[in-house]
Amino acid sequence: MTNGKLINGKLINGKIVDFADVVIVYDNFPAIAGATFTVASGEIVLLQGPNGAGKTTLLRACAGLLPITRGTANVLGCDLRSDRFAVRSRVGLLGHANGLYQDLTVLENMLFWSRLVGATRSDIDQAMSAIGLASRLSQTRVAHLSAGQRRRCALATLIVRRAQLWLLDEPHAGLDAQGRDELDRTLRTARDSGATIIFASHEIERARSLATRSLTVAGGVVTST
């Protein structure tokens, strides 16, 4: 089932995420025991809840990385039950591992993603500038970066990829105060440019000021708050 119409690769007049009674069994354990929620275009939605509640599982499922055991799940018009791979090129997932090639330089990582989406060197420079990643680091291998610099690099790749749905797991982790402010500005700019954002965070005060609304994940069950 597809919600809305796809025009030029974008979902028009529909829901970006639409989950109904979703159950996800991971390693023989029901990591998500019942998720019914929708996310509309242009929202910034906070996932809140204790460690182990299922927030990371939910983000990975939205990215098409985990199979849906039961229920209906649609992301960007793609039915995750029938073809969860179709959505992957249109979402950007930032987890704890950052998803960077450690033996490549910052610029090489950026070029890799830019070529997949047809982005230019100017787009790369703008992305690095937006997240406060110094241009002098472009020739530095990712393995030699600090944790905060690696986080900035990963965020810059999301900007270059032009993902329609951003899925972020603790995006402020490893960033200093300036980096966190730059990230917040970047997320608001991405939203204003047409992206939809779902993120998990324990920094509740900052996260609530950024989010348009929140969902609570507890014991694998998702509820609106």
Protein backbone atom coordinates (compact mmCIF):
# COMPACT_ATOMS: atom_id res chain seq x y z
CA MET A 1 0.00 0.00 0.00
CA THR A 2 1.28 3.45 -0.89
CA ASN A 3 0.15 6.58 0.91
CA GLY A 4 -0.11 9.61 -1.37
CA LYS A 5 1.50 9.99 -4.79
CA LEU A 6 5.12 9.88 -5.80
CA ILE A 7 6.10 12.84 -7.98
CA ASN A 8 9.77 13.30 -8.94
CA GLY A 9 10.77 10.87 -6.22
CA LYS A 10 8.90 12.72 -3.45
CA LEU A 11 5.81 11.66 -1.57
CA ILE A 12 3.07 14.23 -2.14
CA ASN A 13 0.07 14.67 0.17
CA GLY A 14 0.91 11.56 2.13
CA LYS A 15 2.73 10.20 5.13
CA ILE A 16 6.48 9.74 5.13
CA VAL A 17 6.27 6.95 7.71
CA ASP A 18 3.15 4.90 8.41
CA PHE A 19 3.43 1.98 10.86
CA ALA A 20 0.42 -0.02 12.07
CA ASP A 21 0.69 -2.76 14.71
CA VAL A 22 4.31 -3.39 13.74
CA VAL A 23 6.20 -6.18 15.49
CA ILE A 24 9.92 -6.70 14.93
CA VAL A 25 11.60 -9.83 16.24
CA TYR A 26 15.38 -9.49 16.50
CA ASP A 27 17.59 -12.37 17.68
CA ASN A 28 14.44 -14.26 18.73
CA PHE A 29 13.37 -11.31 20.92
CA PRO A 30 10.45 -8.94 20.20
CA ALA A 31 12.48 -5.73 20.06
CA ILE A 32 9.38 -3.86 18.88
CA ALA A 33 6.20 -5.34 20.32
CA GLY A 34 3.67 -2.90 18.92
CA ALA A 35 4.28 0.28 16.94
CA THR A 36 1.46 2.32 15.46
CA PHE A 37 2.38 5.85 14.42
CA THR A 38 2.71 8.16 11.43
CA VAL A 39 5.21 10.87 10.54
CA ALA A 40 4.23 13.59 8.09
CA SER A 41 6.48 15.42 5.65
CA GLY A 42 8.56 18.16 7.26
CA GLU A 43 8.30 16.94 10.83
CA ILE A 44 11.19 16.63 13.26
CA VAL A 45 10.16 13.80 15.57
CA LEU A 46 11.97 12.92 18.79
CA LEU A 47 12.11 9.29 19.93
CA GLN A 48 12.53 9.22 23.68
CA GLY A 49 12.81 6.34 26.11
CA PRO A 50 15.29 4.39 28.26
CA ASN A 51 18.22 2.39 26.92
CA GLY A 52 17.08 -0.90 25.43
CA ALA A 53 13.56 0.36 24.82
CA GLY A 54 13.76 -0.20 21.06
CA LYS A 55 14.61 3.25 19.67
CA THR A 56 17.61 2.08 17.64
CA THR A 57 15.64 -0.91 16.35
CA LEU A 58 12.85 1.39 15.19
CA LEU A 59 15.27 3.68 13.34
CA ARG A 60 16.96 0.73 11.64
CA ALA A 61 13.58 -0.67 10.64
CA CYS A 62 12.57 2.64 9.06
CA ALA A 63 15.82 2.49 7.05
CA GLY A 64 14.89 -0.93 5.69
CA LEU A 65 17.66 -2.69 7.59
CA LEU A 66 15.45 -5.01 9.66
CA PRO A 67 12.58 -7.23 8.52
CA ILE A 68 9.06 -6.48 9.75
CA THR A 69 7.67 -9.58 11.44
CA ARG A 70 4.04 -8.48 11.66
CA GLY A 71 1.89 -5.46 10.87
CA THR A 72 2.11 -2.93 8.05
CA ALA A 73 5.03 -0.57 7.54
CA ASN A 74 5.38 2.02 4.78
CA VAL A 75 8.24 4.50 4.42
CA LEU A 76 8.32 7.05 1.58
CA GLY A 77 5.64 5.06 -0.20
CA CYS A 78 7.63 1.81 0.00
CA ASP A 79 6.05 -1.26 1.60
CA LEU A 80 8.74 -2.59 3.94
CA ARG A 81 7.03 -5.96 4.21
CA SER A 82 7.32 -6.68 0.48
CA ASP A 83 10.55 -4.81 -0.39
CA ARG A 84 12.49 -3.15 2.42
CA PHE A 85 15.51 -2.58 0.17
CA ALA A 86 13.70 -0.11 -2.10
CA VAL A 87 13.77 2.67 0.48
CA ARG A 88 17.46 2.54 1.36
CA SER A 89 18.73 4.96 -1.27
CA ARG A 90 16.29 7.62 -0.08
CA VAL A 91 16.97 7.57 3.65
CA GLY A 92 20.04 8.58 5.62
CA LEU A 93 20.78 6.67 8.82
CA LEU A 94 23.32 7.99 11.30
CA GLY A 95 24.00 5.48 14.07
CA HIS A 96 26.68 5.14 16.68
CA ALA A 97 29.15 3.71 14.14
CA ASN A 98 28.95 6.81 11.85
CA GLY A 99 29.12 4.71 8.66
CA LEU A 100 32.44 6.16 7.45
CA TYR A 101 35.35 4.43 5.72
CA GLN A 102 38.12 4.73 8.28
CA ASP A 103 41.00 4.29 5.79
CA LEU A 104 39.71 7.07 3.50
CA THR A 105 40.18 10.78 3.99
CA VAL A 106 37.30 13.10 4.84
CA LEU A 107 37.18 14.31 1.24
CA GLU A 108 37.30 10.77 -0.17
CA ASN A 109 34.35 9.79 2.02
CA MET A 110 32.44 12.83 0.84
CA LEU A 111 33.29 12.19 -2.82
CA PHE A 112 32.10 8.59 -2.52
CA TRP A 113 28.61 9.68 -1.47
CA SER A 114 28.50 12.70 -3.76
CA ARG A 115 29.08 10.55 -6.85
CA LEU A 116 26.12 8.35 -5.94
CA VAL A 117 23.74 11.32 -5.97
CA GLY A 118 25.41 13.62 -8.49
CA ALA A 119 26.50 16.23 -5.95
CA THR A 120 29.28 18.67 -6.86
CA ARG A 121 32.46 19.71 -5.07
CA SER A 122 30.68 22.93 -4.19
CA ASP A 123 27.96 20.86 -2.50
CA ILE A 124 30.65 19.08 -0.48
CA ASP A 125 32.25 22.35 0.61
CA GLN A 126 28.88 23.75 1.65
CA ALA A 127 28.03 20.60 3.62
CA MET A 128 31.34 20.67 5.47
CA SER A 129 30.93 24.35 6.24
CA ALA A 130 27.34 23.89 7.47
CA ILE A 131 28.37 21.42 10.13
CA GLY A 132 31.60 23.24 11.09
CA LEU A 133 34.00 20.69 9.62
CA ALA A 134 37.22 22.58 8.91
CA SER A 135 38.38 22.42 5.30
CA ARG A 136 41.94 21.77 6.51
CA LEU A 137 40.75 18.32 7.62
CA SER A 138 39.67 17.28 4.12
CA GLN A 139 42.88 15.34 3.49
CA THR A 140 42.92 13.68 6.93
CA ARG A 141 42.05 10.01 7.19
CA VAL A 142 38.88 9.41 9.19
CA ALA A 143 40.77 7.04 11.51
CA HIS A 144 42.88 9.99 12.66
CA LEU A 145 39.94 12.26 13.50
CA SER A 146 38.59 12.88 16.97
CA ALA A 147 35.18 11.45 17.87
CA GLY A 148 33.58 14.86 17.38
CA GLN A 149 35.23 15.38 14.00
CA ARG A 150 34.08 11.94 12.82
CA ARG A 151 30.54 12.83 13.89
CA ARG A 152 30.69 16.06 11.91
CA CYS A 153 31.98 14.20 8.86
CA ALA A 154 29.14 11.68 9.06
CA LEU A 155 26.60 14.48 9.31
CA ALA A 156 28.14 16.22 6.30
CA THR A 157 27.71 13.05 4.23
CA LEU A 158 24.00 13.08 5.09
CA ILE A 159 23.71 16.62 3.75
CA VAL A 160 25.50 15.67 0.54
CA ARG A 161 23.34 12.58 0.08
CA ARG A 162 20.18 14.74 0.07
CA ALA A 163 18.25 12.11 1.97
CA GLN A 164 14.48 12.61 2.12
CA LEU A 165 14.24 10.97 5.54
CA TRP A 166 16.96 11.49 8.15
CA LEU A 167 17.18 8.83 10.87
CA LEU A 168 19.53 9.87 13.65
CA ASP A 169 20.57 7.89 16.73
CA GLU A 170 21.96 10.24 19.41
CA PRO A 171 23.21 12.77 16.79
CA HIS A 172 24.59 15.18 19.41
CA ALA A 173 26.88 12.55 20.91
CA GLY A 174 30.58 13.43 20.69
CA LEU A 175 29.95 17.06 19.70
CA ASP A 176 30.98 20.08 21.73
CA ALA A 177 28.54 22.91 22.50
CA GLN A 178 29.29 24.70 19.24
CA GLY A 179 28.90 21.50 17.25
CA ARG A 180 25.54 20.79 18.87
CA ASP A 181 24.26 24.24 17.96
CA GLU A 182 25.51 23.78 14.38
CA LEU A 183 23.78 20.42 14.20
CA ASP A 184 20.48 21.92 15.35
CA ARG A 185 20.74 24.62 12.68
CA THR A 186 21.57 21.96 10.07
CA LEU A 187 18.54 19.87 10.99
CA ARG A 188 16.21 22.86 10.82
CA THR A 189 17.68 23.83 7.45
CA ALA A 190 17.24 20.27 6.16
CA ARG A 191 13.61 20.32 7.33
CA ASP A 192 13.03 23.67 5.61
CA SER A 193 14.52 22.16 2.44
CA GLY A 194 12.00 19.32 2.44
CA ALA A 195 13.58 16.61 4.57
CA THR A 196 11.78 14.78 7.38
CA ILE A 197 13.74 13.87 10.51
CA ILE A 198 13.33 11.22 13.20
CA PHE A 199 15.94 11.19 15.93
CA ALA A 200 16.59 9.49 19.25
CA SER A 201 18.16 11.44 22.07
CA HIS A 202 18.67 11.39 25.83
CA GLU A 203 19.31 15.15 25.83
CA ILE A 204 15.65 15.81 26.40
CA GLU A 205 15.70 19.58 26.97
CA ARG A 206 17.68 20.30 23.79
CA ALA A 207 15.83 17.65 21.80
CA ARG A 208 12.37 18.93 22.73
CA SER A 209 13.28 22.46 21.67
CA LEU A 210 14.28 21.05 18.28
CA ALA A 211 11.46 18.56 17.72
CA THR A 212 8.00 19.38 16.44
CA ARG A 213 6.66 16.49 18.54
CA SER A 214 7.83 13.33 20.27
CA LEU A 215 7.17 9.62 20.48
CA THR A 216 7.96 7.50 23.54
CA VAL A 217 9.40 4.02 23.12
CA ALA A 218 9.15 1.80 26.21
CA GLY A 219 9.32 -1.96 26.36
CA GLY A 220 9.16 -2.13 22.58
CA VAL A 221 5.86 -0.22 22.45
CA VAL A 222 5.57 3.17 20.76
CA THR A 223 3.18 5.83 22.06
CA SER A 224 2.61 9.48 21.17
CA THR A 225 3.43 12.11 23.82
